[in-house]
PDB file of N, CA and C in Angstrom:
ATOM      1  N   UNK A   1     123.520  66.884  82.673  1.00  0.00           N
ATOM      2  CA  UNK A   1     123.672  67.188  83.920  1.00  0.00           C
ATOM      3  C   UNK A   1     124.092  66.124  84.589  1.00  0.00           C
ATOM      4  N   UNK A   2     124.993  65.929  85.206  1.00  0.00           N
ATOM      5  CA  UNK A   2     125.184  64.897  86.416  1.00  0.00           C
ATOM      6  C   UNK A   2     124.276  64.690  87.882  1.00  0.00           C
ATOM      7  N   UNK A   3     123.960  63.651  87.922  1.00  0.00           N
ATOM      8  CA  UNK A   3     123.032  63.765  88.975  1.00  0.00           C
ATOM      9  C   UNK A   3     123.792  64.307  90.499  1.00  0.00           C
ATOM     10  N   UNK A   4     124.607  64.255  90.717  1.00  0.00           N
ATOM     11  CA  UNK A   4     125.430  65.318  91.804  1.00  0.00           C
ATOM     12  C   UNK A   4     125.360  66.289  91.734  1.00  0.00           C
ATOM     13  N   UNK A   5     125.189  67.454  90.071  1.00  0.00           N
ATOM     14  CA  UNK A   5     124.870  68.667  90.379  1.00  0.00           C
ATOM     15  C   UNK A   5     123.144  69.113  90.608  1.00  0.00           C
ATOM     16  N   UNK A   6     122.429  68.386  90.832  1.00  0.00           N
ATOM     17  CA  UNK A   6     120.958  68.732  90.888  1.00  0.00           C
ATOM     18  C   UNK A   6     120.816  68.789  92.181  1.00  0.00           C
ATOM     19  N   UNK A   7     121.409  68.388  93.377  1.00  0.00           N
ATOM     20  CA  UNK A   7     121.333  68.912  94.823  1.00  0.00           C
ATOM     21  C   UNK A   7     121.194  70.125  94.549  1.00  0.00           C
ATOM     22  N   UNK A   8     122.210  70.649  94.222  1.00  0.00           N
ATOM     23  CA  UNK A   8     123.409  72.177  94.109  1.00  0.00           C
ATOM     24  C   UNK A   8     122.232  72.974  93.346  1.00  0.00           C
ATOM     25  N   UNK A   9     121.945  72.885  92.218  1.00  0.00           N
ATOM     26  CA  UNK A   9     120.843  73.679  91.860  1.00  0.00           C
ATOM     27  C   UNK A   9     119.791  73.920  92.552  1.00  0.00           C
ATOM     28  N   UNK A  10     119.560  72.892  93.134  1.00  0.00           N
ATOM     29  CA  UNK A  10     117.960  72.597  94.022  1.00  0.00           C
ATOM     30  C   UNK A  10     118.585  73.722  95.286  1.00  0.00           C
ATOM     31  N   UNK A  11     119.533  73.336  95.675  1.00  0.00           N
ATOM     32  CA  UNK A  11     119.685  74.601  97.169  1.00  0.00           C
ATOM     33  C   UNK A  11     120.303  75.924  96.225  1.00  0.00           C
ATOM     34  N   UNK A  12     120.420  76.336  95.056  1.00  0.00           N
ATOM     35  CA  UNK A  12     120.625  77.740  95.128  1.00  0.00           C
ATOM     36  C   UNK A  12     119.027  77.963  94.566  1.00  0.00           C
ATOM     37  N   UNK A  13     118.468  77.355  94.206  1.00  0.00           N
ATOM     38  CA  UNK A  13     117.204  77.896  93.726  1.00  0.00           C
ATOM     39  C   UNK A  13     116.115  77.859  94.815  1.00  0.00           C
ATOM     40  N   UNK A  14     116.738  77.623  96.108  1.00  0.00           N
ATOM     41  CA  UNK A  14     115.861  77.310  97.551  1.00  0.00           C
ATOM     42  C   UNK A  14     116.189  78.544  98.410  1.00  0.00           C
ATOM     43  N   UNK A  15     117.800  78.996  98.303  1.00  0.00           N
ATOM     44  CA  UNK A  15     118.522  79.952  99.468  1.00  0.00           C
ATOM     45  C   UNK A  15     117.559  81.079  99.535  1.00  0.00           C
ATOM     46  N   UNK A  16     117.681  81.458 100.411  1.00  0.00           N
ATOM     47  CA  UNK A  16     117.255  82.656 101.248  1.00  0.00           C
ATOM     48  C   UNK A  16     117.544  84.392  99.844  1.00  0.00           C
ATOM     49  N   UNK A  17     116.667  84.993  99.612  1.00  0.00           N
ATOM     50  CA  UNK A  17     116.840  85.789  98.855  1.00  0.00           C
ATOM     51  C   UNK A  17     117.691  86.930  99.374  1.00  0.00           C
ATOM     52  N   UNK A  18     118.845  87.509  98.436  1.00  0.00           N
ATOM     53  CA  UNK A  18     119.501  88.502  98.769  1.00  0.00           C
ATOM     54  C   UNK A  18     119.500  90.001  97.692  1.00  0.00           C
ATOM     55  N   UNK A  19     118.898  90.813  98.067  1.00  0.00           N
ATOM     56  CA  UNK A  19     119.428  92.212  96.788  1.00  0.00           C
ATOM     57  C   UNK A  19     118.153  91.591  95.951  1.00  0.00           C
ATOM     58  N   UNK A  20     117.006  91.276  96.541  1.00  0.00           N
ATOM     59  CA  UNK A  20     115.663  91.162  95.865  1.00  0.00           C
ATOM     60  C   UNK A  20     114.223  92.113  96.164  1.00  0.00           C
ATOM     61  N   UNK A  21     113.826  91.767  95.282  1.00  0.00           N
ATOM     62  CA  UNK A  21     112.304  92.640  95.805  1.00  0.00           C
ATOM     63  C   UNK A  21     111.703  92.262  97.364  1.00  0.00           C
ATOM     64  N   UNK A  22     112.423  91.155  97.928  1.00  0.00           N
ATOM     65  CA  UNK A  22     112.020  90.786  99.179  1.00  0.00           C
ATOM     66  C   UNK A  22     113.009  91.720 100.368  1.00  0.00           C
ATOM     67  N   UNK A  23     114.515  91.875 100.327  1.00  0.00           N
ATOM     68  CA  UNK A  23     115.272  92.864 100.299  1.00  0.00           C
ATOM     69  C   UNK A  23     115.442  93.937 100.506  1.00  0.00           C
ATOM     70  N   UNK A  24     115.044  94.494  99.153  1.00  0.00           N
ATOM     71  CA  UNK A  24     115.412  96.227  98.858  1.00  0.00           C
ATOM     72  C   UNK A  24     114.127  96.601  98.982  1.00  0.00           C
ATOM     73  N   UNK A  25     112.817  96.171  98.577  1.00  0.00           N
ATOM     74  CA  UNK A  25     111.791  96.562  99.348  1.00  0.00           C
ATOM     75  C   UNK A  25     111.286  96.434 100.500  1.00  0.00           C
ATOM     76  N   UNK A  26     111.796  95.680 101.461  1.00  0.00           N
ATOM     77  CA  UNK A  26     111.337  95.165 102.784  1.00  0.00           C
ATOM     78  C   UNK A  26     110.039  95.175 102.543  1.00  0.00           C
ATOM     79  N   UNK A  27     109.439  94.042 101.792  1.00  0.00           N
ATOM     80  CA  UNK A  27     108.147  93.493 101.981  1.00  0.00           C
ATOM     81  C   UNK A  27     108.464  92.258 102.185  1.00  0.00           C
ATOM     82  N   UNK A  28     107.025  91.445 102.914  1.00  0.00           N
ATOM     83  CA  UNK A  28     107.115  90.310 103.342  1.00  0.00           C
ATOM     84  C   UNK A  28     106.614  89.301 102.471  1.00  0.00           C
ATOM     85  N   UNK A  29     107.538  89.056 101.009  1.00  0.00           N
ATOM     86  CA  UNK A  29     107.116  88.390 100.201  1.00  0.00           C
ATOM     87  C   UNK A  29     107.663  86.796 100.830  1.00  0.00           C
ATOM     88  N   UNK A  30     107.269  85.637  99.767  1.00  0.00           N
ATOM     89  CA  UNK A  30     108.227  84.240 100.551  1.00  0.00           C
ATOM     90  C   UNK A  30     108.931  84.014  98.670  1.00  0.00           C
ATOM     91  N   UNK A  31     109.937  84.874  98.782  1.00  0.00           N
ATOM     92  CA  UNK A  31     111.237  84.764  98.042  1.00  0.00           C
ATOM     93  C   UNK A  31     110.672  84.067  96.355  1.00  0.00           C
ATOM     94  N   UNK A  32     109.841  84.354  95.901  1.00  0.00           N
ATOM     95  CA  UNK A  32     109.321  83.626  94.742  1.00  0.00           C
ATOM     96  C   UNK A  32     110.197  83.773  93.759  1.00  0.00           C
ATOM     97  N   UNK A  33     110.992  84.975  93.509  1.00  0.00           N
ATOM     98  CA  UNK A  33     112.442  85.521  92.629  1.00  0.00           C
ATOM     99  C   UNK A  33     112.948  85.967  92.764  1.00  0.00           C
ATOM    100  N   UNK A  34     114.253  85.567  92.507  1.00  0.00           N
ATOM    101  CA  UNK A  34     115.770  86.240  92.685  1.00  0.00           C
ATOM    102  C   UNK A  34     115.941  87.439  92.378  1.00  0.00           C
ATOM    103  N   UNK A  35     115.330  88.110  91.218  1.00  0.00           N
ATOM    104  CA  UNK A  35     115.295  89.009  90.417  1.00  0.00           C
ATOM    105  C   UNK A  35     115.394  90.589  91.240  1.00  0.00           C
ATOM    106  N   UNK A  36     116.413  91.261  90.687  1.00  0.00           N
ATOM    107  CA  UNK A  36     116.239  92.231  91.364  1.00  0.00           C
ATOM    108  C   UNK A  36     115.122  93.368  90.874  1.00  0.00           C
ATOM    109  N   UNK A  37     114.668  94.360  91.816  1.00  0.00           N
ATOM    110  CA  UNK A  37     113.927  95.033  91.088  1.00  0.00           C
ATOM    111  C   UNK A  37     114.535  96.505  90.105  1.00  0.00           C
ATOM    112  N   UNK A  38     113.780  97.037  89.668  1.00  0.00           N
ATOM    113  CA  UNK A  38     114.854  97.923  88.340  1.00  0.00           C
ATOM    114  C   UNK A  38     115.026  99.175  89.092  1.00  0.00           C
ATOM    115  N   UNK A  39     116.030  99.629  88.995  1.00  0.00           N
ATOM    116  CA  UNK A  39     116.064 101.067  89.684  1.00  0.00           C
ATOM    117  C   UNK A  39     114.980 102.443  89.253  1.00  0.00           C
ATOM    118  N   UNK A  40     114.626 103.234  89.751  1.00  0.00           N
ATOM    119  CA  UNK A  40     113.837 104.138  89.708  1.00  0.00           C
ATOM    120  C   UNK A  40     114.626 105.222  88.302  1.00  0.00           C
ATOM    121  N   UNK A  41     114.273 106.123  87.722  1.00  0.00           N
ATOM    122  CA  UNK A  41     114.265 106.978  86.313  1.00  0.00           C
ATOM    123  C   UNK A  41     114.252 108.103  86.875  1.00  0.00           C
ATOM    124  N   UNK A  42     114.549 108.639  87.303  1.00  0.00           N
ATOM    125  CA  UNK A  42     113.933 110.371  87.654  1.00  0.00           C
ATOM    126  C   UNK A  42     112.735 110.330  88.664  1.00  0.00           C
ATOM    127  N   UNK A  43     112.695 109.346  89.819  1.00  0.00           N
ATOM    128  CA  UNK A  43     111.725 109.147  90.706  1.00  0.00           C
ATOM    129  C   UNK A  43     110.458 108.253  90.223  1.00  0.00           C
ATOM    130  N   UNK A  44     110.673 108.094  88.827  1.00  0.00           N
ATOM    131  CA  UNK A  44     109.295 107.267  88.593  1.00  0.00           C
ATOM    132  C   UNK A  44     109.733 105.643  88.670  1.00  0.00           C
ATOM    133  N   UNK A  45     108.590 105.330  87.910  1.00  0.00           N
ATOM    134  CA  UNK A  45     108.840 103.706  87.720  1.00  0.00           C
ATOM    135  C   UNK A  45     107.244 103.043  86.731  1.00  0.00           C
ATOM    136  N   UNK A  46     107.191 102.166  86.316  1.00  0.00           N
ATOM    137  CA  UNK A  46     106.186 101.904  85.677  1.00  0.00           C
ATOM    138  C   UNK A  46     104.634 101.637  86.486  1.00  0.00           C
ATOM    139  N   UNK A  47     103.588 101.738  85.867  1.00  0.00           N
ATOM    140  CA  UNK A  47     102.293 101.551  86.774  1.00  0.00           C
ATOM    141  C   UNK A  47     102.473 100.156  87.645  1.00  0.00           C
ATOM    142  N   UNK A  48     102.062 100.740  88.643  1.00  0.00           N
ATOM    143  CA  UNK A  48     101.822  99.549  90.301  1.00  0.00           C
ATOM    144  C   UNK A  48     102.830  99.225  90.563  1.00  0.00           C
ATOM    145  N   UNK A  49     104.162 100.193  90.212  1.00  0.00           N
ATOM    146  CA  UNK A  49     105.322 100.289  91.062  1.00  0.00           C
ATOM    147  C   UNK A  49     105.503 101.772  91.824  1.00  0.00           C
ATOM    148  N   UNK A  50     106.329 101.851  92.555  1.00  0.00           N
ATOM    149  CA  UNK A  50     106.487 103.128  93.188  1.00  0.00           C
ATOM    150  C   UNK A  50     108.073 102.866  93.322  1.00  0.00           C
ATOM    151  N   UNK A  51     108.673 104.616  93.693  1.00  0.00           N
ATOM    152  CA  UNK A  51     110.359 104.173  93.822  1.00  0.00           C
ATOM    153  C   UNK A  51     110.455 104.464  95.389  1.00  0.00           C
ATOM    154  N   UNK A  52     110.986 103.729  95.312  1.00  0.00           N
ATOM    155  CA  UNK A  52     111.769 103.319  97.162  1.00  0.00           C
ATOM    156  C   UNK A  52     113.314 102.954  97.413  1.00  0.00           C
ATOM    157  N   UNK A  53     113.561 104.025  98.006  1.00  0.00           N
ATOM    158  CA  UNK A  53     115.245 103.628  98.121  1.00  0.00           C
ATOM    159  C   UNK A  53     115.830 103.694  96.444  1.00  0.00           C
ATOM    160  N   UNK A  54     115.354 104.156  95.795  1.00  0.00           N
ATOM    161  CA  UNK A  54     115.703 104.418  94.374  1.00  0.00           C
ATOM    162  C   UNK A  54     115.641 103.203  93.602  1.00  0.00           C
ATOM    163  N   UNK A  55     114.892 102.161  94.079  1.00  0.00           N
ATOM    164  CA  UNK A  55     114.167 100.723  93.176  1.00  0.00           C
ATOM    165  C   UNK A  55     112.558 100.979  93.303  1.00  0.00           C
ATOM    166  N   UNK A  56     112.230 100.491  92.063  1.00  0.00           N
ATOM    167  CA  UNK A  56     110.846 100.300  91.900  1.00  0.00           C
ATOM    168  C   UNK A  56     110.357  98.936  92.074  1.00  0.00           C
ATOM    169  N   UNK A  57     109.472  99.017  93.124  1.00  0.00           N
ATOM    170  CA  UNK A  57     108.940  98.525  94.211  1.00  0.00           C
ATOM    171  C   UNK A  57     107.202  97.983  94.055  1.00  0.00           C
ATOM    172  N   UNK A  58     106.736  96.619  94.144  1.00  0.00           N
ATOM    173  CA  UNK A  58     105.380  96.685  93.432  1.00  0.00           C
ATOM    174  C   UNK A  58     104.575  97.623  94.840  1.00  0.00           C
ATOM    175  N   UNK A  59     103.572  98.082  94.063  1.00  0.00           N
ATOM    176  CA  UNK A  59     102.810  99.080  95.251  1.00  0.00           C
ATOM    177  C   UNK A  59     101.833  97.786  96.108  1.00  0.00           C
ATOM    178  N   UNK A  60     101.498  98.624  97.128  1.00  0.00           N
ATOM    179  CA  UNK A  60     100.116  97.574  97.806  1.00  0.00           C
ATOM    180  C   UNK A  60      98.967  97.165  97.157  1.00  0.00           C
ATOM    181  N   UNK A  61      98.602  98.120  96.258  1.00  0.00           N
ATOM    182  CA  UNK A  61      96.823  97.947  95.318  1.00  0.00           C
ATOM    183  C   UNK A  61      97.657  96.479  94.319  1.00  0.00           C
ATOM    184  N   UNK A  62      98.808  96.917  93.641  1.00  0.00           N
ATOM    185  CA  UNK A  62      99.466  95.583  92.659  1.00  0.00           C
ATOM    186  C   UNK A  62      99.322  94.586  93.712  1.00  0.00           C
ATOM    187  N   UNK A  63      99.901  94.551  94.438  1.00  0.00           N
ATOM    188  CA  UNK A  63     100.348  93.002  95.195  1.00  0.00           C
ATOM    189  C   UNK A  63      98.935  92.864  95.626  1.00  0.00           C
ATOM    190  N   UNK A  64      97.958  93.248  96.524  1.00  0.00           N
ATOM    191  CA  UNK A  64      97.365  92.838  97.190  1.00  0.00           C
ATOM    192  C   UNK A  64      95.932  92.486  96.212  1.00  0.00           C
ATOM    193  N   UNK A  65      96.243  93.260  94.854  1.00  0.00           N
ATOM    194  CA  UNK A  65      94.914  92.773  93.995  1.00  0.00           C
ATOM    195  C   UNK A  65      94.813  91.577  93.122  1.00  0.00           C
ATOM    196  N   UNK A  66      96.453  91.223  93.367  1.00  0.00           N
ATOM    197  CA  UNK A  66      96.746  90.157  91.991  1.00  0.00           C
ATOM    198  C   UNK A  66      95.957  88.873  92.679  1.00  0.00           C
ATOM    199  N   UNK A  67      95.457  88.099  92.220  1.00  0.00           N
ATOM    200  CA  UNK A  67      94.897  86.373  92.114  1.00  0.00           C
ATOM    201  C   UNK A  67      96.475  85.640  92.739  1.00  0.00           C
ATOM    202  N   UNK A  68      96.110  84.921  93.447  1.00  0.00           N
ATOM    203  CA  UNK A  68      96.973  83.717  94.147  1.00  0.00           C
ATOM    204  C   UNK A  68      97.822  83.230  92.725  1.00  0.00           C
ATOM    205  N   UNK A  69      98.614  83.062  92.719  1.00  0.00           N
ATOM    206  CA  UNK A  69      99.095  81.702  91.802  1.00  0.00           C
ATOM    207  C   UNK A  69     100.386  81.296  92.275  1.00  0.00           C
ATOM    208  N   UNK A  70     100.074  79.560  92.368  1.00  0.00           N
ATOM    209  CA  UNK A  70     101.360  78.435  93.053  1.00  0.00           C
ATOM    210  C   UNK A  70     102.108  78.183  92.136  1.00  0.00           C
ATOM    211  N   UNK A  71     102.504  79.001  90.960  1.00  0.00           N
ATOM    212  CA  UNK A  71     103.764  78.873  90.585  1.00  0.00           C
ATOM    213  C   UNK A  71     104.053  77.190  89.657  1.00  0.00           C
ATOM    214  N   UNK A  72     105.161  77.003  89.754  1.00  0.00           N
ATOM    215  CA  UNK A  72     105.292  75.424  89.641  1.00  0.00           C
ATOM    216  C   UNK A  72     106.499  74.701  90.120  1.00  0.00           C
ATOM    217  N   UNK A  73     106.706  73.509  89.659  1.00  0.00           N
ATOM    218  CA  UNK A  73     107.786  73.056  90.772  1.00  0.00           C
ATOM    219  C   UNK A  73     108.909  73.524  90.424  1.00  0.00           C
ATOM    220  N   UNK A  74     110.061  73.425  91.215  1.00  0.00           N
ATOM    221  CA  UNK A  74     111.711  73.342  90.972  1.00  0.00           C
ATOM    222  C   UNK A  74     112.050  72.727  89.907  1.00  0.00           C
ATOM    223  N   UNK A  75     112.005  71.249  89.856  1.00  0.00           N
ATOM    224  CA  UNK A  75     112.622  70.443  88.901  1.00  0.00           C
ATOM    225  C   UNK A  75     111.192  69.302  89.354  1.00  0.00           C
ATOM    226  N   UNK A  76     111.280  68.864  88.606  1.00  0.00           N
ATOM    227  CA  UNK A  76     110.679  67.244  87.901  1.00  0.00           C
ATOM    228  C   UNK A  76     110.330  66.028  89.172  1.00  0.00           C
ATOM    229  N   UNK A  77     111.707  66.640  89.889  1.00  0.00           N
ATOM    230  CA  UNK A  77     111.789  65.261  91.152  1.00  0.00           C
ATOM    231  C   UNK A  77     111.033  65.979  92.564  1.00  0.00           C
ATOM    232  N   UNK A  78     111.097  67.578  92.303  1.00  0.00           N
ATOM    233  CA  UNK A  78     110.493  68.187  93.187  1.00  0.00           C
ATOM    234  C   UNK A  78     109.136  68.241  93.418  1.00  0.00           C
ATOM    235  N   UNK A  79     108.156  67.768  94.032  1.00  0.00           N
ATOM    236  CA  UNK A  79     107.064  67.468  93.976  1.00  0.00           C
ATOM    237  C   UNK A  79     106.520  68.559  95.684  1.00  0.00           C
ATOM    238  N   UNK A  80     107.256  68.486  96.184  1.00  0.00           N
ATOM    239  CA  UNK A  80     106.849  69.695  97.747  1.00  0.00           C
ATOM    240  C   UNK A  80     106.094  70.592  97.437  1.00  0.00           C
ATOM    241  N   UNK A  81     105.423  70.952  98.008  1.00  0.00           N
ATOM    242  CA  UNK A  81     104.692  72.526  97.897  1.00  0.00           C
ATOM    243  C   UNK A  81     104.534  72.945  99.415  1.00  0.00           C
ATOM    244  N   UNK A  82     104.970  74.289  99.492  1.00  0.00           N
ATOM    245  CA  UNK A  82     104.602  75.228 100.766  1.00  0.00           C
ATOM    246  C   UNK A  82     103.371  75.847 100.893  1.00  0.00           C
ATOM    247  N   UNK A  83     102.842  76.034 102.279  1.00  0.00           N
ATOM    248  CA  UNK A  83     101.824  76.578 102.949  1.00  0.00           C
ATOM    249  C   UNK A  83     102.024  78.008 102.716  1.00  0.00           C
ATOM    250  N   UNK A  84     101.292  79.190 102.163  1.00  0.00           N
ATOM    251  CA  UNK A  84     101.501  80.543 101.526  1.00  0.00           C
ATOM    252  C   UNK A  84     100.199  81.072 101.689  1.00  0.00           C
ATOM    253  N   UNK A  85      99.921  82.380 101.657  1.00  0.00           N
ATOM    254  CA  UNK A  85      98.557  82.950 102.084  1.00  0.00           C
ATOM    255  C   UNK A  85      98.993  83.841 101.017  1.00  0.00           C
ATOM    256  N   UNK A  86      97.423  84.617 100.461  1.00  0.00           N
ATOM    257  CA  UNK A  86      97.373  85.396  99.641  1.00  0.00           C
ATOM    258  C   UNK A  86      96.275  86.435  99.742  1.00  0.00           C
ATOM    259  N   UNK A  87      96.330  87.695  99.193  1.00  0.00           N
ATOM    260  CA  UNK A  87      95.002  88.312 100.150  1.00  0.00           C
ATOM    261  C   UNK A  87      94.209  88.158  98.672  1.00  0.00           C
ATOM    262  N   UNK A  88      92.921  88.196  98.837  1.00  0.00           N
ATOM    263  CA  UNK A  88      91.318  87.573  98.118  1.00  0.00           C
ATOM    264  C   UNK A  88      91.060  89.076  98.248  1.00  0.00           C
ATOM    265  N   UNK A  89      91.109  90.026  97.359  1.00  0.00           N
ATOM    266  CA  UNK A  89      90.364  91.159  96.931  1.00  0.00           C
ATOM    267  C   UNK A  89      88.958  91.397  97.075  1.00  0.00           C
ATOM    268  N   UNK A  90      88.754  90.191  96.366  1.00  0.00           N
ATOM    269  CA  UNK A  90      86.955  90.042  96.531  1.00  0.00           C
ATOM    270  C   UNK A  90      85.811  89.919  97.870  1.00  0.00           C
ATOM    271  N   UNK A  91      86.657  89.378  99.071  1.00  0.00           N
ATOM    272  CA  UNK A  91      86.271  88.802 100.207  1.00  0.00           C
ATOM    273  C   UNK A  91      87.065  90.295 101.220  1.00  0.00           C
ATOM    274  N   UNK A  92      88.361  90.791 100.811  1.00  0.00           N
ATOM    275  CA  UNK A  92      88.823  91.513 102.160  1.00  0.00           C
ATOM    276  C   UNK A  92      89.519  90.462 102.779  1.00  0.00           C
ATOM    277  N   UNK A  93      90.245  89.214 102.473  1.00  0.00           N
ATOM    278  CA  UNK A  93      90.764  88.301 103.705  1.00  0.00           C
ATOM    279  C   UNK A  93      91.934  87.613 102.803  1.00  0.00           C
ATOM    280  N   UNK A  94      92.730  87.294 103.714  1.00  0.00           N
ATOM    281  CA  UNK A  94      93.959  86.288 103.097  1.00  0.00           C
ATOM    282  C   UNK A  94      93.537  85.027 103.450  1.00  0.00           C
ATOM    283  N   UNK A  95      93.527  84.112 102.368  1.00  0.00           N
ATOM    284  CA  UNK A  95      93.581  82.781 101.741  1.00  0.00           C
ATOM    285  C   UNK A  95      94.867  81.944 101.832  1.00  0.00           C
ATOM    286  N   UNK A  96      94.864  80.606 102.451  1.00  0.00           N
ATOM    287  CA  UNK A  96      95.452  79.832 102.089  1.00  0.00           C
ATOM    288  C   UNK A  96      95.839  79.424 100.681  1.00  0.00           C
ATOM    289  N   UNK A  97      97.019  78.811 100.305  1.00  0.00           N
ATOM    290  CA  UNK A  97      97.233  78.427  99.029  1.00  0.00           C
ATOM    291  C   UNK A  97      98.753  77.590  98.956  1.00  0.00           C
ATOM    292  N   UNK A  98      98.503  76.466  98.364  1.00  0.00           N
ATOM    293  CA  UNK A  98      99.746  75.524  98.167  1.00  0.00           C
ATOM    294  C   UNK A  98     100.800  76.597  96.855  1.00  0.00           C
ATOM    295  N   UNK A  99     101.864  76.888  97.183  1.00  0.00           N
ATOM    296  CA  UNK A  99     103.105  77.114  96.781  1.00  0.00           C
ATOM    297  C   UNK A  99     104.111  76.343  95.731  1.00  0.00           C
ATOM    298  N   UNK A 100     104.033  75.785  95.128  1.00  0.00           N
ATOM    299  CA  UNK A 100     105.234  74.843  94.764  1.00  0.00           C
ATOM    300  C   UNK A 100     106.624  75.508  94.640  1.00  0.00           C
ATOM    301  N   UNK A 101     107.023  76.765  94.518  1.00  0.00           N
ATOM    302  CA  UNK A 101     108.293  76.984  94.827  1.00  0.00           C
ATOM    303  C   UNK A 101     109.437  78.123  94.048  1.00  0.00           C
ATOM    304  N   UNK A 102     108.487  78.514  92.734  1.00  0.00           N
ATOM    305  CA  UNK A 102     109.223  79.069  91.624  1.00  0.00           C
ATOM    306  C   UNK A 102     107.941  79.504  90.952  1.00  0.00           C
ATOM    307  N   UNK A 103     108.452  80.711  90.661  1.00  0.00           N
ATOM    308  CA  UNK A 103     107.787  81.609  89.785  1.00  0.00           C
ATOM    309  C   UNK A 103     106.489  82.090  90.795  1.00  0.00           C
ATOM    310  N   UNK A 104     105.201  82.672  90.203  1.00  0.00           N
ATOM    311  CA  UNK A 104     103.971  83.046  90.952  1.00  0.00           C
ATOM    312  C   UNK A 104     104.307  84.529  91.146  1.00  0.00           C
ATOM    313  N   UNK A 105     103.433  85.137  91.975  1.00  0.00           N
ATOM    314  CA  UNK A 105     103.761  86.845  91.820  1.00  0.00           C
ATOM    315  C   UNK A 105     103.729  87.336  93.396  1.00  0.00           C
ATOM    316  N   UNK A 106     103.601  88.656  93.835  1.00  0.00           N
ATOM    317  CA  UNK A 106     103.802  89.172  94.230  1.00  0.00           C
ATOM    318  C   UNK A 106     102.882  88.799  95.678  1.00  0.00           C
ATOM    319  N   UNK A 107     101.452  88.925  96.001  1.00  0.00           N
ATOM    320  CA  UNK A 107     100.951  88.117  96.301  1.00  0.00           C
ATOM    321  C   UNK A 107     101.112  86.636  96.693  1.00  0.00           C
ATOM    322  N   UNK A 108     102.071  86.599  97.982  1.00  0.00           N
ATOM    323  CA  UNK A 108     102.346  85.606  98.097  1.00  0.00           C
ATOM    324  C   UNK A 108     103.227  85.544  99.552  1.00  0.00           C
ATOM    325  N   UNK A 109     102.282  85.387 100.718  1.00  0.00           N
ATOM    326  CA  UNK A 109     102.929  85.853 101.987  1.00  0.00           C
ATOM    327  C   UNK A 109     103.434  84.798 102.659  1.00  0.00           C
ATOM    328  N   UNK A 110     104.379  84.583 103.716  1.00  0.00           N
ATOM    329  CA  UNK A 110     105.224  83.448 104.299  1.00  0.00           C
ATOM    330  C   UNK A 110     103.726  82.998 105.585  1.00  0.00           C
ATOM    331  N   UNK A 111     102.950  83.597 105.596  1.00  0.00           N
ATOM    332  CA  UNK A 111     101.618  83.335 106.854  1.00  0.00           C
ATOM    333  C   UNK A 111     100.551  84.406 106.807  1.00  0.00           C
ATOM    334  N   UNK A 112      99.334  83.857 107.531  1.00  0.00           N
ATOM    335  CA  UNK A 112      98.297  85.095 107.708  1.00  0.00           C
ATOM    336  C   UNK A 112      98.422  86.466 107.955  1.00  0.00           C
ATOM    337  N   UNK A 113      98.970  86.387 109.055  1.00  0.00           N
ATOM    338  CA  UNK A 113      99.084  87.766 109.426  1.00  0.00           C
ATOM    339  C   UNK A 113      99.869  88.642 109.090  1.00  0.00           C
ATOM    340  N   UNK A 114     100.902  88.259 108.237  1.00  0.00           N
ATOM    341  CA  UNK A 114     101.976  89.079 107.505  1.00  0.00           C
ATOM    342  C   UNK A 114     101.033  89.338 106.382  1.00  0.00           C
ATOM    343  N   UNK A 115     100.236  88.847 105.854  1.00  0.00           N
ATOM    344  CA  UNK A 115      99.254  89.007 104.815  1.00  0.00           C
ATOM    345  C   UNK A 115      98.120  89.715 104.896  1.00  0.00           C
ATOM    346  N   UNK A 116      97.684  89.868 105.934  1.00  0.00           N
ATOM    347  CA  UNK A 116      96.537  90.644 106.582  1.00  0.00           C
ATOM    348  C   UNK A 116      97.057  92.227 106.881  1.00  0.00           C
ATOM    349  N   UNK A 117      98.005  92.245 107.947  1.00  0.00           N
ATOM    350  CA  UNK A 117      98.563  93.123 108.158  1.00  0.00           C
ATOM    351  C   UNK A 117      99.205  94.220 106.749  1.00  0.00           C
ATOM    352  N   UNK A 118      99.583  93.457 105.944  1.00  0.00           N
ATOM    353  CA  UNK A 118     100.030  94.260 104.722  1.00  0.00           C
ATOM    354  C   UNK A 118      99.218  94.889 103.934  1.00  0.00           C
ATOM    355  N   UNK A 119      98.226  93.748 103.498  1.00  0.00           N
ATOM    356  CA  UNK A 119      96.757  94.018 102.458  1.00  0.00           C
ATOM    357  C   UNK A 119      95.936  95.072 103.511  1.00  0.00           C
ATOM    358  N   UNK A 120      95.699  94.930 104.453  1.00  0.00           N
ATOM    359  CA  UNK A 120      94.856  95.576 105.202  1.00  0.00           C
ATOM    360  C   UNK A 120      94.882  96.476 106.430  1.00  0.00           C
ATOM    361  N   UNK A 121      96.309  96.297 106.965  1.00  0.00           N
ATOM    362  CA  UNK A 121      96.587  97.001 108.300  1.00  0.00           C
ATOM    363  C   UNK A 121      96.536  96.625 109.388  1.00  0.00           C
ATOM    364  N   UNK A 122      95.811  95.610 109.573  1.00  0.00           N
ATOM    365  CA  UNK A 122      94.881  95.316 110.593  1.00  0.00           C
ATOM    366  C   UNK A 122      95.133  93.795 110.674  1.00  0.00           C
ATOM    367  N   UNK A 123      95.024  92.997 112.003  1.00  0.00           N
ATOM    368  CA  UNK A 123      95.329  91.254 112.119  1.00  0.00           C
ATOM    369  C   UNK A 123      94.143  91.337 112.659  1.00  0.00           C
ATOM    370  N   UNK A 124      92.722  91.093 112.025  1.00  0.00           N
ATOM    371  CA  UNK A 124      91.578  90.431 113.062  1.00  0.00           C
ATOM    372  C   UNK A 124      91.879  89.292 113.905  1.00  0.00           C
ATOM    373  N   UNK A 125      91.315  88.868 114.656  1.00  0.00           N
ATOM    374  CA  UNK A 125      91.155  87.634 115.171  1.00  0.00           C
ATOM    375  C   UNK A 125      90.902  86.361 114.244  1.00  0.00           C
ATOM    376  N   UNK A 126      92.344  85.412 114.326  1.00  0.00           N
ATOM    377  CA  UNK A 126      92.505  84.467 113.548  1.00  0.00           C
ATOM    378  C   UNK A 126      91.637  83.051 113.891  1.00  0.00           C
ATOM    379  N   UNK A 127      90.277  82.577 113.670  1.00  0.00           N
ATOM    380  CA  UNK A 127      89.907  81.585 114.117  1.00  0.00           C
ATOM    381  C   UNK A 127      90.454  80.066 113.585  1.00  0.00           C
ATOM    382  N   UNK A 128      91.252  80.259 112.801  1.00  0.00           N
ATOM    383  CA  UNK A 128      92.075  79.044 112.708  1.00  0.00           C
ATOM    384  C   UNK A 128      91.002  78.113 111.403  1.00  0.00           C
ATOM    385  N   UNK A 129      90.433  78.461 111.072  1.00  0.00           N
ATOM    386  CA  UNK A 129      89.726  77.510 109.968  1.00  0.00           C
ATOM    387  C   UNK A 129      90.424  77.997 108.563  1.00  0.00           C
TER     388      UNK A 129
END
């Protein structure tokens, strides 16, 4: 691979998701995957997923029940990490974690408020800690 190809690959890896879980399922993920959800078959999906607009989207229980996953770097040159939030089912609150830009899981929200709103249905006053 030529050195001038690397930025193009990096840009493609970090581009805003389209036709992915985030856009199709209308959920506040942080775009960890570019995969498209499976289509529903006879309005049914595998365990942990539910049929929404003809696609199998992860259920709230699946998303909020997963432990956070930092994923891994986009490439060996990119050591940047991003602040994300994941719901901690043991304590019933969202916690901050470092996300490295690729892989991970659905319990990956862009901010504390989106995480709390999605997983608990409420946004208690945040004390900034």
